[in-house]
Amino acid sequence: EVQEVLRLKHRYLDLRRPRLAQNLILRSKVNLLSRQYFADNGFLEVETPILGNPTPEGARDYLVPSRVHPGSYYALPQSPQQFKQ
């Protein structure tokens, strides 16, 4: 058995383990079935951006004016990883 810190550092190797691979396969199949069900029943899949507060690190954000709070802005994130943490 390998230490968890080492497993997380090399996560791409850890995903080859049968138990984790089966989890990924199951997740993929469930997503495929649900998307197919909704598509067959006339639903559309629409992606909407995640709006958040600007980050202080100085990166240029794409600002979107708020309709609810005049004079305020939301920022589209520079990287989706912000919301995965």
C-alpha atoms as a PDB file:
ATOM      1  CA  GLU A   1       0.000   0.000   0.000  1.00  0.00           C
ATOM      2  CA  VAL A   2       1.321   3.426  -0.995  1.00  0.00           C
ATOM      3  CA  GLN A   3       1.038   6.585   1.090  1.00  0.00           C
ATOM      4  CA  GLU A   4      -1.922   8.789   0.147  1.00  0.00           C
ATOM      5  CA  VAL A   5       0.280  11.864  -0.437  1.00  0.00           C
ATOM      6  CA  LEU A   6       2.271   9.960  -3.062  1.00  0.00           C
ATOM      7  CA  ARG A   7      -0.929   8.606  -4.653  1.00  0.00           C
ATOM      8  CA  LEU A   8      -2.398  12.100  -4.945  1.00  0.00           C
ATOM      9  CA  LYS A   9       0.824  13.491  -6.386  1.00  0.00           C
ATOM     10  CA  HIS A  10       0.703  10.919  -9.183  1.00  0.00           C
ATOM     11  CA  ARG A  11      -3.078  10.714  -9.484  1.00  0.00           C
ATOM     12  CA  TYR A  12      -2.959   9.770 -13.162  1.00  0.00           C
ATOM     13  CA  LEU A  13      -1.296   6.486 -12.155  1.00  0.00           C
ATOM     14  CA  ASP A  14      -3.711   5.944  -9.290  1.00  0.00           C
ATOM     15  CA  LEU A  15      -6.643   6.106 -11.713  1.00  0.00           C
ATOM     16  CA  ARG A  16      -5.384   2.897 -13.338  1.00  0.00           C
ATOM     17  CA  ARG A  17      -6.351   0.883 -10.270  1.00  0.00           C
ATOM     18  CA  PRO A  18      -9.341  -1.368 -11.086  1.00  0.00           C
ATOM     19  CA  ARG A  19     -11.644   0.091  -8.415  1.00  0.00           C
ATOM     20  CA  LEU A  20     -11.083   3.687  -9.521  1.00  0.00           C
ATOM     21  CA  ALA A  21     -11.240   2.769 -13.196  1.00  0.00           C
ATOM     22  CA  GLN A  22     -14.616   1.084 -12.625  1.00  0.00           C
ATOM     23  CA  ASN A  23     -15.872   4.243 -10.898  1.00  0.00           C
ATOM     24  CA  LEU A  24     -14.878   6.330 -13.932  1.00  0.00           C
ATOM     25  CA  ILE A  25     -16.531   3.879 -16.320  1.00  0.00           C
ATOM     26  CA  LEU A  26     -19.757   3.866 -14.281  1.00  0.00           C
ATOM     27  CA  ARG A  27     -19.811   7.666 -14.069  1.00  0.00           C
ATOM     28  CA  SER A  28     -19.306   7.934 -17.820  1.00  0.00           C
ATOM     29  CA  LYS A  29     -22.128   5.486 -18.544  1.00  0.00           C
ATOM     30  CA  VAL A  30     -24.559   7.249 -16.181  1.00  0.00           C
ATOM     31  CA  ASN A  31     -23.765  10.628 -17.764  1.00  0.00           C
ATOM     32  CA  LEU A  32     -24.189   9.197 -21.252  1.00  0.00           C
ATOM     33  CA  LEU A  33     -27.530   7.589 -20.413  1.00  0.00           C
ATOM     34  CA  SER A  34     -28.915  10.712 -18.748  1.00  0.00           C
ATOM     35  CA  ARG A  35     -27.815  12.970 -21.615  1.00  0.00           C
ATOM     36  CA  GLN A  36     -29.292  10.573 -24.158  1.00  0.00           C
ATOM     37  CA  TYR A  37     -32.588  10.387 -22.237  1.00  0.00           C
ATOM     38  CA  PHE A  38     -32.950  14.158 -22.109  1.00  0.00           C
ATOM     39  CA  ALA A  39     -31.917  14.573 -25.764  1.00  0.00           C
ATOM     40  CA  ASP A  40     -34.468  11.947 -26.837  1.00  0.00           C
ATOM     41  CA  ASN A  41     -37.159  13.882 -24.948  1.00  0.00           C
ATOM     42  CA  GLY A  42     -36.448  17.221 -26.603  1.00  0.00           C
ATOM     43  CA  PHE A  43     -34.228  18.834 -23.984  1.00  0.00           C
ATOM     44  CA  LEU A  44     -31.254  20.980 -24.954  1.00  0.00           C
ATOM     45  CA  GLU A  45     -27.976  21.062 -23.089  1.00  0.00           C
ATOM     46  CA  VAL A  46     -26.996  24.685 -22.513  1.00  0.00           C
ATOM     47  CA  GLU A  47     -23.741  25.726 -20.875  1.00  0.00           C
ATOM     48  CA  THR A  48     -23.755  28.938 -18.904  1.00  0.00           C
ATOM     49  CA  PRO A  49     -20.664  30.657 -17.549  1.00  0.00           C
ATOM     50  CA  ILE A  50     -19.961  30.731 -13.831  1.00  0.00           C
ATOM     51  CA  LEU A  51     -19.847  34.295 -12.587  1.00  0.00           C
ATOM     52  CA  GLY A  52     -17.778  35.146  -9.536  1.00  0.00           C
ATOM     53  CA  ASN A  53     -15.985  37.994  -7.840  1.00  0.00           C
ATOM     54  CA  PRO A  54     -12.753  39.243  -9.410  1.00  0.00           C
ATOM     55  CA  THR A  55      -9.583  37.732  -7.961  1.00  0.00           C
ATOM     56  CA  PRO A  56      -6.863  39.966  -6.516  1.00  0.00           C
ATOM     57  CA  GLU A  57      -3.866  38.396  -8.319  1.00  0.00           C
ATOM     58  CA  GLY A  58      -4.002  40.992 -11.087  1.00  0.00           C
ATOM     59  CA  ALA A  59      -5.135  38.780 -13.954  1.00  0.00           C
ATOM     60  CA  ARG A  60      -7.329  40.464 -16.529  1.00  0.00           C
ATOM     61  CA  ASP A  61     -10.898  39.379 -16.015  1.00  0.00           C
ATOM     62  CA  TYR A  62     -13.754  39.597 -18.469  1.00  0.00           C
ATOM     63  CA  LEU A  63     -16.211  41.771 -16.566  1.00  0.00           C
ATOM     64  CA  VAL A  64     -19.964  41.420 -16.868  1.00  0.00           C
ATOM     65  CA  PRO A  65     -22.180  44.224 -15.521  1.00  0.00           C
ATOM     66  CA  SER A  66     -24.725  43.211 -12.915  1.00  0.00           C
ATOM     67  CA  ARG A  67     -28.356  43.908 -13.778  1.00  0.00           C
ATOM     68  CA  VAL A  68     -29.441  43.421 -10.177  1.00  0.00           C
ATOM     69  CA  HIS A  69     -26.827  45.733  -8.620  1.00  0.00           C
ATOM     70  CA  PRO A  70     -26.154  48.694 -10.951  1.00  0.00           C
ATOM     71  CA  GLY A  71     -22.515  49.796 -10.897  1.00  0.00           C
ATOM     72  CA  SER A  72     -21.317  46.341  -9.811  1.00  0.00           C
ATOM     73  CA  TYR A  73     -19.627  43.738 -11.990  1.00  0.00           C
ATOM     74  CA  TYR A  74     -19.112  39.994 -12.037  1.00  0.00           C
ATOM     75  CA  ALA A  75     -15.997  38.408 -13.474  1.00  0.00           C
ATOM     76  CA  LEU A  76     -15.705  35.338 -15.645  1.00  0.00           C
ATOM     77  CA  PRO A  77     -12.993  33.169 -14.067  1.00  0.00           C
ATOM     78  CA  GLN A  78      -9.624  32.991 -15.795  1.00  0.00           C
ATOM     79  CA  SER A  79      -9.386  29.275 -15.097  1.00  0.00           C
ATOM     80  CA  PRO A  80     -12.094  26.775 -14.183  1.00  0.00           C
ATOM     81  CA  GLN A  81      -9.721  25.287 -11.610  1.00  0.00           C
ATOM     82  CA  GLN A  82     -10.775  28.058  -9.216  1.00  0.00           C
ATOM     83  CA  PHE A  83     -14.074  26.284  -8.686  1.00  0.00           C
ATOM     84  CA  LYS A  84     -12.597  22.780  -8.428  1.00  0.00           C
ATOM     85  CA  GLN A  85     -10.607  23.555  -5.290  1.00  0.00           C
END
